[in-house]
């Protein structure tokens, strides 16, 4: 197998609180290969966005990366100086933020902000960058791009602002784009358009994509592999088709069961309880207070990863060959269909 484009190994990011350091990302490991899309999925508070910020070393105090390694194209990003890291951000790894209205500067035109990305990384002169900004707006399907390049963020709709962030992300043709909840707060029609645009940009520019979302429906139609995150840990990972057809962790099964789409009038399913607060994780498996399948080992120590299929792993005692408990993780699941 060729070396992965991005290899995250036991990444740990903590927040220094009065009671001591509290992990928001706890020994997380995953890989992204060239040209593939990895979906990182979980409820709000699971640590997905902190993982993305950690990769780019953008975690602000009191947060800090306390352990692990992040290798990108063979280089350990944690070993780079801040100046070296600045040359990576935007040029080699780009981030599409969750909320475009706060990510875009309200006092500069969208054309100036796209052009600045190219100028800062030495990809174009100021004149060339201005022309390139129009081309990028056209690429992300903003109508009348030559006129809209002079607009300010508040003059655009939410969907168009998201397209501007995508244009900024692909401006320097990076190898990896991290999209953090790129369809949040958009209506279903605009969500579908943004996802179509991401797929088109990925194909056109041969990008790798880390897609962060809480929506397994989006993962079903976009990702090649998926990592399910809960309370700062990855609890299941593998090929998207294998996980959606035969999830092997109770949390993944709960997320799948929560997707709307049943018979009219049927009560929506939900996972009981909430993601635990940082610094207040229950003993053992963090999911055990909400888990319908918990048994004695679950409250004693966090489970290790178990192989449950080709490239498919789950962090759950249901798959420990040393126990006699018969897992219910092999129950057939309804297929997850792409969003219309």
C-alpha atoms as a PDB file:
ATOM      1  CA  UNK A   1       0.000   0.000   0.000  1.00  0.00           C
ATOM      2  CA  UNK A   2       1.351   3.491  -0.834  1.00  0.00           C
ATOM      3  CA  UNK A   3       1.996   5.854   2.052  1.00  0.00           C
ATOM      4  CA  UNK A   4      -1.223   7.679   3.041  1.00  0.00           C
ATOM      5  CA  UNK A   5      -1.520  11.377   2.278  1.00  0.00           C
ATOM      6  CA  UNK A   6      -2.432  12.098   5.903  1.00  0.00           C
ATOM      7  CA  UNK A   7      -1.703   9.768   8.824  1.00  0.00           C
ATOM      8  CA  UNK A   8      -2.986  10.789  12.257  1.00  0.00           C
ATOM      9  CA  UNK A   9      -1.580   8.548  15.003  1.00  0.00           C
ATOM     10  CA  UNK A  10      -2.853   8.675  18.603  1.00  0.00           C
ATOM     11  CA  UNK A  11      -3.566  12.409  18.401  1.00  0.00           C
ATOM     12  CA  UNK A  12      -4.487  13.832  21.812  1.00  0.00           C
ATOM     13  CA  UNK A  13      -5.678  17.402  22.322  1.00  0.00           C
ATOM     14  CA  UNK A  14      -6.445  18.643  25.818  1.00  0.00           C
ATOM     15  CA  UNK A  15      -7.906  21.779  27.363  1.00  0.00           C
ATOM     16  CA  UNK A  16      -6.177  23.060  30.478  1.00  0.00           C
ATOM     17  CA  UNK A  17      -9.007  23.698  32.935  1.00  0.00           C
ATOM     18  CA  UNK A  18      -8.743  24.655  36.629  1.00  0.00           C
ATOM     19  CA  UNK A  19      -9.134  21.007  37.596  1.00  0.00           C
ATOM     20  CA  UNK A  20      -6.377  19.877  35.231  1.00  0.00           C
ATOM     21  CA  UNK A  21      -6.013  18.951  31.533  1.00  0.00           C
ATOM     22  CA  UNK A  22      -9.158  17.476  29.974  1.00  0.00           C
ATOM     23  CA  UNK A  23      -8.916  15.566  26.644  1.00  0.00           C
ATOM     24  CA  UNK A  24     -11.244  16.695  23.857  1.00  0.00           C
ATOM     25  CA  UNK A  25      -9.502  14.391  21.352  1.00  0.00           C
ATOM     26  CA  UNK A  26      -8.241  11.205  22.962  1.00  0.00           C
ATOM     27  CA  UNK A  27      -5.650   9.046  21.145  1.00  0.00           C
ATOM     28  CA  UNK A  28      -7.380   9.394  17.752  1.00  0.00           C
ATOM     29  CA  UNK A  29      -5.853   7.572  14.762  1.00  0.00           C
ATOM     30  CA  UNK A  30      -6.923   7.503  11.115  1.00  0.00           C
ATOM     31  CA  UNK A  31      -5.522   7.766   7.596  1.00  0.00           C
ATOM     32  CA  UNK A  32      -6.615   9.529   4.421  1.00  0.00           C
ATOM     33  CA  UNK A  33      -5.313   8.190   1.134  1.00  0.00           C
ATOM     34  CA  UNK A  34      -4.742  10.243  -1.999  1.00  0.00           C
ATOM     35  CA  UNK A  35      -7.989  10.936  -3.835  1.00  0.00           C
ATOM     36  CA  UNK A  36     -10.357   9.506  -1.209  1.00  0.00           C
ATOM     37  CA  UNK A  37     -13.016  10.977   1.070  1.00  0.00           C
ATOM     38  CA  UNK A  38     -13.035  10.090   4.766  1.00  0.00           C
ATOM     39  CA  UNK A  39     -16.193  10.950   6.664  1.00  0.00           C
ATOM     40  CA  UNK A  40     -15.778  11.884  10.344  1.00  0.00           C
ATOM     41  CA  UNK A  41     -19.199  11.595  11.946  1.00  0.00           C
ATOM     42  CA  UNK A  42     -20.677  12.036  15.408  1.00  0.00           C
ATOM     43  CA  UNK A  43     -22.951  14.185  17.529  1.00  0.00           C
ATOM     44  CA  UNK A  44     -22.078  17.750  18.523  1.00  0.00           C
ATOM     45  CA  UNK A  45     -19.473  17.658  21.271  1.00  0.00           C
ATOM     46  CA  UNK A  46     -17.801  14.493  20.008  1.00  0.00           C
ATOM     47  CA  UNK A  47     -14.515  16.249  19.171  1.00  0.00           C
ATOM     48  CA  UNK A  48     -14.796  16.391  15.368  1.00  0.00           C
ATOM     49  CA  UNK A  49     -14.037  20.100  14.928  1.00  0.00           C
ATOM     50  CA  UNK A  50     -11.221  20.010  17.499  1.00  0.00           C
ATOM     51  CA  UNK A  51      -9.683  17.180  15.468  1.00  0.00           C
ATOM     52  CA  UNK A  52      -9.803  19.334  12.320  1.00  0.00           C
ATOM     53  CA  UNK A  53      -8.266  22.338  14.099  1.00  0.00           C
ATOM     54  CA  UNK A  54      -5.579  20.088  15.594  1.00  0.00           C
ATOM     55  CA  UNK A  55      -4.521  18.851  12.146  1.00  0.00           C
ATOM     56  CA  UNK A  56      -3.894  22.450  11.109  1.00  0.00           C
ATOM     57  CA  UNK A  57      -2.475  23.397  14.524  1.00  0.00           C
ATOM     58  CA  UNK A  58      -5.143  26.045  15.003  1.00  0.00           C
ATOM     59  CA  UNK A  59      -6.260  25.006  18.506  1.00  0.00           C
ATOM     60  CA  UNK A  60      -6.308  28.106  20.700  1.00  0.00           C
ATOM     61  CA  UNK A  61      -5.388  28.241  24.427  1.00  0.00           C
ATOM     62  CA  UNK A  62      -6.379  26.811  26.823  1.00  0.00           C
ATOM     63  CA  UNK A  63      -6.392  23.998  24.242  1.00  0.00           C
ATOM     64  CA  UNK A  64      -3.145  22.327  23.183  1.00  0.00           C
ATOM     65  CA  UNK A  65      -1.971  19.198  21.389  1.00  0.00           C
ATOM     66  CA  UNK A  66      -0.429  17.012  24.089  1.00  0.00           C
ATOM     67  CA  UNK A  67       0.537  13.879  22.162  1.00  0.00           C
ATOM     68  CA  UNK A  68       0.554  11.860  18.986  1.00  0.00           C
ATOM     69  CA  UNK A  69       1.720  12.633  15.474  1.00  0.00           C
ATOM     70  CA  UNK A  70       0.195  14.129  12.321  1.00  0.00           C
ATOM     71  CA  UNK A  71       2.100  13.113   9.192  1.00  0.00           C
ATOM     72  CA  UNK A  72       1.218  14.831   5.914  1.00  0.00           C
ATOM     73  CA  UNK A  73       3.096  13.767   2.791  1.00  0.00           C
ATOM     74  CA  UNK A  74       5.623  12.111   5.077  1.00  0.00           C
ATOM     75  CA  UNK A  75       6.272  15.207   7.240  1.00  0.00           C
ATOM     76  CA  UNK A  76       5.245  15.426  10.895  1.00  0.00           C
ATOM     77  CA  UNK A  77       3.236  18.635  11.087  1.00  0.00           C
ATOM     78  CA  UNK A  78       3.749  18.826  14.854  1.00  0.00           C
ATOM     79  CA  UNK A  79       7.505  19.156  14.286  1.00  0.00           C
ATOM     80  CA  UNK A  80       7.226  22.145  11.904  1.00  0.00           C
ATOM     81  CA  UNK A  81       7.856  25.716  12.961  1.00  0.00           C
ATOM     82  CA  UNK A  82       4.946  28.143  12.862  1.00  0.00           C
ATOM     83  CA  UNK A  83       6.369  29.775   9.723  1.00  0.00           C
ATOM     84  CA  UNK A  84       6.591  26.381   8.008  1.00  0.00           C
ATOM     85  CA  UNK A  85       3.068  25.568   9.147  1.00  0.00           C
ATOM     86  CA  UNK A  86       1.764  28.807   7.637  1.00  0.00           C
ATOM     87  CA  UNK A  87       3.003  27.644   4.239  1.00  0.00           C
ATOM     88  CA  UNK A  88       0.991  24.413   4.665  1.00  0.00           C
ATOM     89  CA  UNK A  89      -2.310  26.019   5.707  1.00  0.00           C
ATOM     90  CA  UNK A  90      -4.333  27.020   2.673  1.00  0.00           C
ATOM     91  CA  UNK A  91      -1.729  25.869   0.157  1.00  0.00           C
ATOM     92  CA  UNK A  92      -1.456  22.145   0.963  1.00  0.00           C
ATOM     93  CA  UNK A  93      -4.314  21.670   3.444  1.00  0.00           C
ATOM     94  CA  UNK A  94      -7.382  23.892   3.219  1.00  0.00           C
ATOM     95  CA  UNK A  95     -10.228  24.222   5.711  1.00  0.00           C
ATOM     96  CA  UNK A  96     -13.854  25.017   4.871  1.00  0.00           C
ATOM     97  CA  UNK A  97     -15.288  26.422   8.076  1.00  0.00           C
ATOM     98  CA  UNK A  98     -18.684  25.522   9.461  1.00  0.00           C
ATOM     99  CA  UNK A  99     -20.176  29.032   9.485  1.00  0.00           C
ATOM    100  CA  UNK A 100     -19.229  31.154   6.453  1.00  0.00           C
ATOM    101  CA  UNK A 101     -20.600  34.412   7.862  1.00  0.00           C
ATOM    102  CA  UNK A 102     -18.054  34.315  10.692  1.00  0.00           C
ATOM    103  CA  UNK A 103     -15.252  32.845   8.532  1.00  0.00           C
ATOM    104  CA  UNK A 104     -15.447  35.648   5.956  1.00  0.00           C
ATOM    105  CA  UNK A 105     -14.242  39.155   6.799  1.00  0.00           C
ATOM    106  CA  UNK A 106     -17.269  41.491   6.616  1.00  0.00           C
ATOM    107  CA  UNK A 107     -15.257  44.587   5.563  1.00  0.00           C
ATOM    108  CA  UNK A 108     -13.530  43.084   2.511  1.00  0.00           C
ATOM    109  CA  UNK A 109     -15.122  42.034  -0.753  1.00  0.00           C
ATOM    110  CA  UNK A 110     -15.243  38.333  -1.527  1.00  0.00           C
ATOM    111  CA  UNK A 111     -12.965  38.931  -4.516  1.00  0.00           C
ATOM    112  CA  UNK A 112     -10.309  40.522  -2.306  1.00  0.00           C
ATOM    113  CA  UNK A 113     -10.498  37.638   0.155  1.00  0.00           C
ATOM    114  CA  UNK A 114     -10.062  35.000  -2.544  1.00  0.00           C
ATOM    115  CA  UNK A 115      -7.235  36.998  -4.149  1.00  0.00           C
ATOM    116  CA  UNK A 116      -5.466  37.342  -0.780  1.00  0.00           C
ATOM    117  CA  UNK A 117      -5.209  33.542  -0.518  1.00  0.00           C
ATOM    118  CA  UNK A 118      -3.320  33.406  -3.819  1.00  0.00           C
ATOM    119  CA  UNK A 119      -1.094  36.418  -3.044  1.00  0.00           C
ATOM    120  CA  UNK A 120      -0.108  35.262   0.465  1.00  0.00           C
ATOM    121  CA  UNK A 121       1.059  31.895  -0.867  1.00  0.00           C
ATOM    122  CA  UNK A 122       2.875  33.435  -3.825  1.00  0.00           C
ATOM    123  CA  UNK A 123       0.623  31.823  -6.403  1.00  0.00           C
ATOM    124  CA  UNK A 124      -0.223  35.004  -8.319  1.00  0.00           C
ATOM    125  CA  UNK A 125       0.471  38.731  -8.616  1.00  0.00           C
ATOM    126  CA  UNK A 126      -2.255  41.096  -7.430  1.00  0.00           C
ATOM    127  CA  UNK A 127      -3.529  41.586 -11.005  1.00  0.00           C
ATOM    128  CA  UNK A 128      -3.456  37.854 -11.726  1.00  0.00           C
ATOM    129  CA  UNK A 129      -5.167  37.097  -8.412  1.00  0.00           C
ATOM    130  CA  UNK A 130      -8.053  39.447  -9.215  1.00  0.00           C
ATOM    131  CA  UNK A 131      -8.683  37.664 -12.520  1.00  0.00           C
ATOM    132  CA  UNK A 132      -8.267  34.268 -10.875  1.00  0.00           C
ATOM    133  CA  UNK A 133     -10.870  35.210  -8.234  1.00  0.00           C
ATOM    134  CA  UNK A 134     -13.483  35.612 -10.963  1.00  0.00           C
ATOM    135  CA  UNK A 135     -12.533  32.242 -12.461  1.00  0.00           C
ATOM    136  CA  UNK A 136     -12.836  30.552  -9.066  1.00  0.00           C
ATOM    137  CA  UNK A 137     -16.282  32.059  -8.463  1.00  0.00           C
ATOM    138  CA  UNK A 138     -17.327  30.743 -11.857  1.00  0.00           C
ATOM    139  CA  UNK A 139     -15.920  27.318 -10.938  1.00  0.00           C
ATOM    140  CA  UNK A 140     -18.126  27.163  -7.828  1.00  0.00           C
ATOM    141  CA  UNK A 141     -21.163  28.149  -9.906  1.00  0.00           C
ATOM    142  CA  UNK A 142     -21.796  31.666  -8.632  1.00  0.00           C
ATOM    143  CA  UNK A 143     -23.811  33.407 -11.360  1.00  0.00           C
ATOM    144  CA  UNK A 144     -22.510  36.649 -12.881  1.00  0.00           C
ATOM    145  CA  UNK A 145     -19.171  36.112 -11.141  1.00  0.00           C
ATOM    146  CA  UNK A 146     -17.514  39.191 -12.682  1.00  0.00           C
ATOM    147  CA  UNK A 147     -20.094  41.420 -10.984  1.00  0.00           C
ATOM    148  CA  UNK A 148     -20.413  39.486  -7.704  1.00  0.00           C
ATOM    149  CA  UNK A 149     -16.637  39.540  -7.105  1.00  0.00           C
ATOM    150  CA  UNK A 150     -17.093  43.046  -5.677  1.00  0.00           C
ATOM    151  CA  UNK A 151     -19.835  42.037  -3.244  1.00  0.00           C
ATOM    152  CA  UNK A 152     -19.410  41.899   0.506  1.00  0.00           C
ATOM    153  CA  UNK A 153     -20.327  38.737   2.460  1.00  0.00           C
ATOM    154  CA  UNK A 154     -23.581  40.205   3.802  1.00  0.00           C
ATOM    155  CA  UNK A 155     -24.818  40.694   0.232  1.00  0.00           C
ATOM    156  CA  UNK A 156     -24.742  36.952  -0.473  1.00  0.00           C
ATOM    157  CA  UNK A 157     -27.079  34.167   0.582  1.00  0.00           C
ATOM    158  CA  UNK A 158     -25.888  31.439   2.948  1.00  0.00           C
ATOM    159  CA  UNK A 159     -25.416  28.995   0.095  1.00  0.00           C
ATOM    160  CA  UNK A 160     -23.404  31.489  -1.942  1.00  0.00           C
ATOM    161  CA  UNK A 161     -21.191  32.332   1.043  1.00  0.00           C
ATOM    162  CA  UNK A 162     -20.472  28.621   1.432  1.00  0.00           C
ATOM    163  CA  UNK A 163     -19.489  28.503  -2.250  1.00  0.00           C
ATOM    164  CA  UNK A 164     -17.101  31.410  -1.656  1.00  0.00           C
ATOM    165  CA  UNK A 165     -15.414  29.413   1.130  1.00  0.00           C
ATOM    166  CA  UNK A 166     -15.067  26.476  -1.255  1.00  0.00           C
ATOM    167  CA  UNK A 167     -13.531  28.804  -3.872  1.00  0.00           C
ATOM    168  CA  UNK A 168     -11.022  30.043  -1.272  1.00  0.00           C
ATOM    169  CA  UNK A 169     -10.242  26.465  -0.244  1.00  0.00           C
ATOM    170  CA  UNK A 170      -9.411  25.299  -3.784  1.00  0.00           C
ATOM    171  CA  UNK A 171      -7.648  28.515  -4.848  1.00  0.00           C
ATOM    172  CA  UNK A 172      -4.138  27.116  -4.310  1.00  0.00           C
ATOM    173  CA  UNK A 173      -5.138  23.598  -5.440  1.00  0.00           C
ATOM    174  CA  UNK A 174      -4.338  21.886  -2.108  1.00  0.00           C
ATOM    175  CA  UNK A 175      -3.939  18.128  -1.774  1.00  0.00           C
ATOM    176  CA  UNK A 176      -6.362  17.898   1.171  1.00  0.00           C
ATOM    177  CA  UNK A 177      -9.523  19.828   1.976  1.00  0.00           C
ATOM    178  CA  UNK A 178     -11.135  19.595   5.420  1.00  0.00           C
ATOM    179  CA  UNK A 179     -14.838  20.451   5.253  1.00  0.00           C
ATOM    180  CA  UNK A 180     -16.267  21.066   8.734  1.00  0.00           C
ATOM    181  CA  UNK A 181     -20.061  20.660   8.599  1.00  0.00           C
ATOM    182  CA  UNK A 182     -20.223  22.418   5.192  1.00  0.00           C
ATOM    183  CA  UNK A 183     -24.019  22.108   4.890  1.00  0.00           C
ATOM    184  CA  UNK A 184     -25.034  23.252   8.383  1.00  0.00           C
ATOM    185  CA  UNK A 185     -27.953  25.732   8.419  1.00  0.00           C
ATOM    186  CA  UNK A 186     -28.614  25.295   4.681  1.00  0.00           C
ATOM    187  CA  UNK A 187     -31.931  24.058   3.346  1.00  0.00           C
ATOM    188  CA  UNK A 188     -32.048  20.601   1.781  1.00  0.00           C
ATOM    189  CA  UNK A 189     -31.906  21.828  -1.830  1.00  0.00           C
ATOM    190  CA  UNK A 190     -28.849  24.025  -1.181  1.00  0.00           C
ATOM    191  CA  UNK A 191     -27.233  21.213   0.835  1.00  0.00           C
ATOM    192  CA  UNK A 192     -27.487  18.913  -2.183  1.00  0.00           C
ATOM    193  CA  UNK A 193     -25.977  21.594  -4.437  1.00  0.00           C
ATOM    194  CA  UNK A 194     -23.041  22.168  -2.067  1.00  0.00           C
ATOM    195  CA  UNK A 195     -22.372  18.423  -1.809  1.00  0.00           C
ATOM    196  CA  UNK A 196     -22.521  18.092  -5.610  1.00  0.00           C
ATOM    197  CA  UNK A 197     -20.053  20.974  -5.852  1.00  0.00           C
ATOM    198  CA  UNK A 198     -17.644  19.340  -3.377  1.00  0.00           C
ATOM    199  CA  UNK A 199     -17.734  16.094  -5.359  1.00  0.00           C
ATOM    200  CA  UNK A 200     -17.127  17.980  -8.608  1.00  0.00           C
ATOM    201  CA  UNK A 201     -14.213  19.964  -7.136  1.00  0.00           C
ATOM    202  CA  UNK A 202     -12.719  16.773  -5.678  1.00  0.00           C
ATOM    203  CA  UNK A 203     -12.776  15.125  -9.103  1.00  0.00           C
ATOM    204  CA  UNK A 204     -11.620  18.182 -11.038  1.00  0.00           C
ATOM    205  CA  UNK A 205      -8.671  19.023  -8.772  1.00  0.00           C
ATOM    206  CA  UNK A 206      -7.896  15.446  -7.589  1.00  0.00           C
ATOM    207  CA  UNK A 207      -8.452  16.391  -3.965  1.00  0.00           C
ATOM    208  CA  UNK A 208      -8.583  14.260  -0.854  1.00  0.00           C
ATOM    209  CA  UNK A 209     -11.415  15.245   1.459  1.00  0.00           C
ATOM    210  CA  UNK A 210     -12.011  14.993   5.206  1.00  0.00           C
ATOM    211  CA  UNK A 211     -15.761  15.539   5.526  1.00  0.00           C
ATOM    212  CA  UNK A 212     -16.937  16.307   9.064  1.00  0.00           C
ATOM    213  CA  UNK A 213     -20.654  15.957   9.715  1.00  0.00           C
ATOM    214  CA  UNK A 214     -23.275  14.603  12.093  1.00  0.00           C
ATOM    215  CA  UNK A 215     -25.395  13.355   9.175  1.00  0.00           C
ATOM    216  CA  UNK A 216     -24.878   9.751   8.075  1.00  0.00           C
ATOM    217  CA  UNK A 217     -27.106  10.415   5.061  1.00  0.00           C
ATOM    218  CA  UNK A 218     -24.446  12.810   3.761  1.00  0.00           C
ATOM    219  CA  UNK A 219     -21.749  10.231   4.489  1.00  0.00           C
ATOM    220  CA  UNK A 220     -23.687   7.578   2.558  1.00  0.00           C
ATOM    221  CA  UNK A 221     -23.577   9.538  -0.683  1.00  0.00           C
ATOM    222  CA  UNK A 222     -20.182  11.216  -0.351  1.00  0.00           C
ATOM    223  CA  UNK A 223     -17.570   9.226   1.601  1.00  0.00           C
ATOM    224  CA  UNK A 224     -15.381   6.242   0.735  1.00  0.00           C
ATOM    225  CA  UNK A 225     -14.571   5.413   4.357  1.00  0.00           C
ATOM    226  CA  UNK A 226     -16.046   6.601   7.637  1.00  0.00           C
ATOM    227  CA  UNK A 227     -14.802   7.077  11.202  1.00  0.00           C
ATOM    228  CA  UNK A 228     -17.467   7.364  13.907  1.00  0.00           C
ATOM    229  CA  UNK A 229     -16.427   9.583  16.819  1.00  0.00           C
ATOM    230  CA  UNK A 230     -17.848   9.713  20.328  1.00  0.00           C
ATOM    231  CA  UNK A 231     -16.571  11.634  23.378  1.00  0.00           C
ATOM    232  CA  UNK A 232     -13.216  12.340  21.744  1.00  0.00           C
ATOM    233  CA  UNK A 233     -12.543   8.769  20.577  1.00  0.00           C
ATOM    234  CA  UNK A 234     -13.111   6.938  17.301  1.00  0.00           C
ATOM    235  CA  UNK A 235     -15.418   4.047  18.191  1.00  0.00           C
ATOM    236  CA  UNK A 236     -15.823   2.505  14.719  1.00  0.00           C
ATOM    237  CA  UNK A 237     -14.097   2.906  11.369  1.00  0.00           C
ATOM    238  CA  UNK A 238     -14.078   1.207   8.016  1.00  0.00           C
ATOM    239  CA  UNK A 239     -15.442   1.268   4.452  1.00  0.00           C
ATOM    240  CA  UNK A 240     -18.627   3.296   4.324  1.00  0.00           C
ATOM    241  CA  UNK A 241     -20.662   0.528   2.700  1.00  0.00           C
ATOM    242  CA  UNK A 242     -19.657  -2.031   5.332  1.00  0.00           C
ATOM    243  CA  UNK A 243     -20.466   0.268   8.245  1.00  0.00           C
ATOM    244  CA  UNK A 244     -23.795   1.465   6.886  1.00  0.00           C
ATOM    245  CA  UNK A 245     -24.950  -2.041   5.988  1.00  0.00           C
ATOM    246  CA  UNK A 246     -23.655  -3.798   9.089  1.00  0.00           C
ATOM    247  CA  UNK A 247     -22.691  -1.368  11.884  1.00  0.00           C
ATOM    248  CA  UNK A 248     -20.748  -3.060  14.660  1.00  0.00           C
ATOM    249  CA  UNK A 249     -20.893  -0.467  17.451  1.00  0.00           C
ATOM    250  CA  UNK A 250     -24.099   0.361  19.378  1.00  0.00           C
ATOM    251  CA  UNK A 251     -23.472   4.084  18.893  1.00  0.00           C
ATOM    252  CA  UNK A 252     -23.264   3.710  15.112  1.00  0.00           C
ATOM    253  CA  UNK A 253     -26.478   1.684  15.139  1.00  0.00           C
ATOM    254  CA  UNK A 254     -28.133   4.419  17.191  1.00  0.00           C
ATOM    255  CA  UNK A 255     -27.062   7.110  14.709  1.00  0.00           C
ATOM    256  CA  UNK A 256     -28.413   5.065  11.803  1.00  0.00           C
ATOM    257  CA  UNK A 257     -31.712   4.429  13.569  1.00  0.00           C
ATOM    258  CA  UNK A 258     -32.084   8.189  14.171  1.00  0.00           C
ATOM    259  CA  UNK A 259     -32.162   9.034  10.458  1.00  0.00           C
ATOM    260  CA  UNK A 260     -35.684  10.158   9.432  1.00  0.00           C
ATOM    261  CA  UNK A 261     -37.353   8.196   6.674  1.00  0.00           C
ATOM    262  CA  UNK A 262     -39.785   5.782   8.299  1.00  0.00           C
ATOM    263  CA  UNK A 263     -43.491   5.444   7.643  1.00  0.00           C
ATOM    264  CA  UNK A 264     -45.599   8.627   7.965  1.00  0.00           C
ATOM    265  CA  UNK A 265     -46.684   9.107  11.557  1.00  0.00           C
ATOM    266  CA  UNK A 266     -44.005   6.778  12.901  1.00  0.00           C
ATOM    267  CA  UNK A 267     -42.204   8.099  15.967  1.00  0.00           C
ATOM    268  CA  UNK A 268     -38.609   9.156  15.312  1.00  0.00           C
ATOM    269  CA  UNK A 269     -35.944   7.101  17.025  1.00  0.00           C
ATOM    270  CA  UNK A 270     -33.296   8.791  19.196  1.00  0.00           C
ATOM    271  CA  UNK A 271     -30.348   7.807  21.358  1.00  0.00           C
ATOM    272  CA  UNK A 272     -31.233   8.310  25.019  1.00  0.00           C
ATOM    273  CA  UNK A 273     -29.105  10.800  26.949  1.00  0.00           C
ATOM    274  CA  UNK A 274     -26.423  13.217  25.788  1.00  0.00           C
ATOM    275  CA  UNK A 275     -22.736  13.239  24.914  1.00  0.00           C
ATOM    276  CA  UNK A 276     -20.912  13.539  28.280  1.00  0.00           C
ATOM    277  CA  UNK A 277     -19.205  16.776  29.251  1.00  0.00           C
ATOM    278  CA  UNK A 278     -15.435  17.114  28.985  1.00  0.00           C
ATOM    279  CA  UNK A 279     -13.882  16.032  32.233  1.00  0.00           C
ATOM    280  CA  UNK A 280     -16.995  14.112  33.287  1.00  0.00           C
ATOM    281  CA  UNK A 281     -16.677  10.922  31.249  1.00  0.00           C
ATOM    282  CA  UNK A 282     -18.171   7.832  32.871  1.00  0.00           C
ATOM    283  CA  UNK A 283     -15.786   5.020  33.862  1.00  0.00           C
ATOM    284  CA  UNK A 284     -15.101   2.411  31.214  1.00  0.00           C
ATOM    285  CA  UNK A 285     -16.630   2.924  27.791  1.00  0.00           C
ATOM    286  CA  UNK A 286     -17.827   6.530  27.482  1.00  0.00           C
ATOM    287  CA  UNK A 287     -20.993   5.361  25.709  1.00  0.00           C
ATOM    288  CA  UNK A 288     -22.031   2.831  28.370  1.00  0.00           C
ATOM    289  CA  UNK A 289     -24.691   5.004  30.149  1.00  0.00           C
ATOM    290  CA  UNK A 290     -26.571   5.318  26.836  1.00  0.00           C
ATOM    291  CA  UNK A 291     -25.849   1.843  25.462  1.00  0.00           C
ATOM    292  CA  UNK A 292     -28.642  -0.773  25.194  1.00  0.00           C
ATOM    293  CA  UNK A 293     -26.041  -3.564  24.878  1.00  0.00           C
ATOM    294  CA  UNK A 294     -23.798  -2.786  27.861  1.00  0.00           C
ATOM    295  CA  UNK A 295     -22.668  -5.573  30.156  1.00  0.00           C
ATOM    296  CA  UNK A 296     -20.118  -5.969  32.949  1.00  0.00           C
ATOM    297  CA  UNK A 297     -16.797  -5.072  31.215  1.00  0.00           C
ATOM    298  CA  UNK A 298     -18.251  -1.849  29.786  1.00  0.00           C
ATOM    299  CA  UNK A 299     -18.045   0.056  33.083  1.00  0.00           C
ATOM    300  CA  UNK A 300     -14.570  -1.108  34.081  1.00  0.00           C
ATOM    301  CA  UNK A 301     -12.178   0.146  31.380  1.00  0.00           C
ATOM    302  CA  UNK A 302     -12.355   1.729  27.898  1.00  0.00           C
ATOM    303  CA  UNK A 303     -12.448  -1.081  25.309  1.00  0.00           C
ATOM    304  CA  UNK A 304      -9.629  -1.542  22.806  1.00  0.00           C
ATOM    305  CA  UNK A 305     -10.234  -1.781  19.063  1.00  0.00           C
ATOM    306  CA  UNK A 306     -11.349  -5.122  17.652  1.00  0.00           C
ATOM    307  CA  UNK A 307     -11.204  -6.164  14.003  1.00  0.00           C
ATOM    308  CA  UNK A 308     -14.741  -6.949  12.806  1.00  0.00           C
ATOM    309  CA  UNK A 309     -14.128  -7.243   9.051  1.00  0.00           C
ATOM    310  CA  UNK A 310     -11.776  -6.210   6.250  1.00  0.00           C
ATOM    311  CA  UNK A 311     -10.466  -2.746   7.248  1.00  0.00           C
ATOM    312  CA  UNK A 312     -13.427  -2.550   9.651  1.00  0.00           C
ATOM    313  CA  UNK A 313     -12.732  -1.970  13.349  1.00  0.00           C
ATOM    314  CA  UNK A 314     -14.920  -1.260  16.371  1.00  0.00           C
ATOM    315  CA  UNK A 315     -14.028  -0.206  19.898  1.00  0.00           C
ATOM    316  CA  UNK A 316     -16.583  -2.344  21.743  1.00  0.00           C
ATOM    317  CA  UNK A 317     -16.481  -5.290  24.183  1.00  0.00           C
ATOM    318  CA  UNK A 318     -19.205  -6.990  22.147  1.00  0.00           C
ATOM    319  CA  UNK A 319     -16.410  -8.174  19.865  1.00  0.00           C
ATOM    320  CA  UNK A 320     -13.981  -9.340  22.536  1.00  0.00           C
ATOM    321  CA  UNK A 321     -13.359 -13.058  21.854  1.00  0.00           C
ATOM    322  CA  UNK A 322     -12.492 -13.499  25.542  1.00  0.00           C
ATOM    323  CA  UNK A 323     -16.112 -12.879  26.606  1.00  0.00           C
ATOM    324  CA  UNK A 324     -18.974 -15.318  26.220  1.00  0.00           C
ATOM    325  CA  UNK A 325     -21.469 -12.526  25.603  1.00  0.00           C
ATOM    326  CA  UNK A 326     -23.259 -12.981  22.301  1.00  0.00           C
ATOM    327  CA  UNK A 327     -23.178  -9.657  20.464  1.00  0.00           C
ATOM    328  CA  UNK A 328     -26.233  -8.198  18.883  1.00  0.00           C
ATOM    329  CA  UNK A 329     -24.093  -6.156  16.494  1.00  0.00           C
ATOM    330  CA  UNK A 330     -24.775  -8.526  13.609  1.00  0.00           C
ATOM    331  CA  UNK A 331     -28.451  -7.675  13.425  1.00  0.00           C
ATOM    332  CA  UNK A 332     -29.415  -6.684   9.852  1.00  0.00           C
ATOM    333  CA  UNK A 333     -29.870  -2.960   9.357  1.00  0.00           C
ATOM    334  CA  UNK A 334     -32.081  -1.104   6.890  1.00  0.00           C
ATOM    335  CA  UNK A 335     -30.040   0.364   4.042  1.00  0.00           C
ATOM    336  CA  UNK A 336     -29.105   4.026   4.299  1.00  0.00           C
ATOM    337  CA  UNK A 337     -30.115   5.894   1.187  1.00  0.00           C
ATOM    338  CA  UNK A 338     -28.640   9.098  -0.153  1.00  0.00           C
ATOM    339  CA  UNK A 339     -30.468  12.352   0.507  1.00  0.00           C
ATOM    340  CA  UNK A 340     -32.766  13.464  -2.255  1.00  0.00           C
END
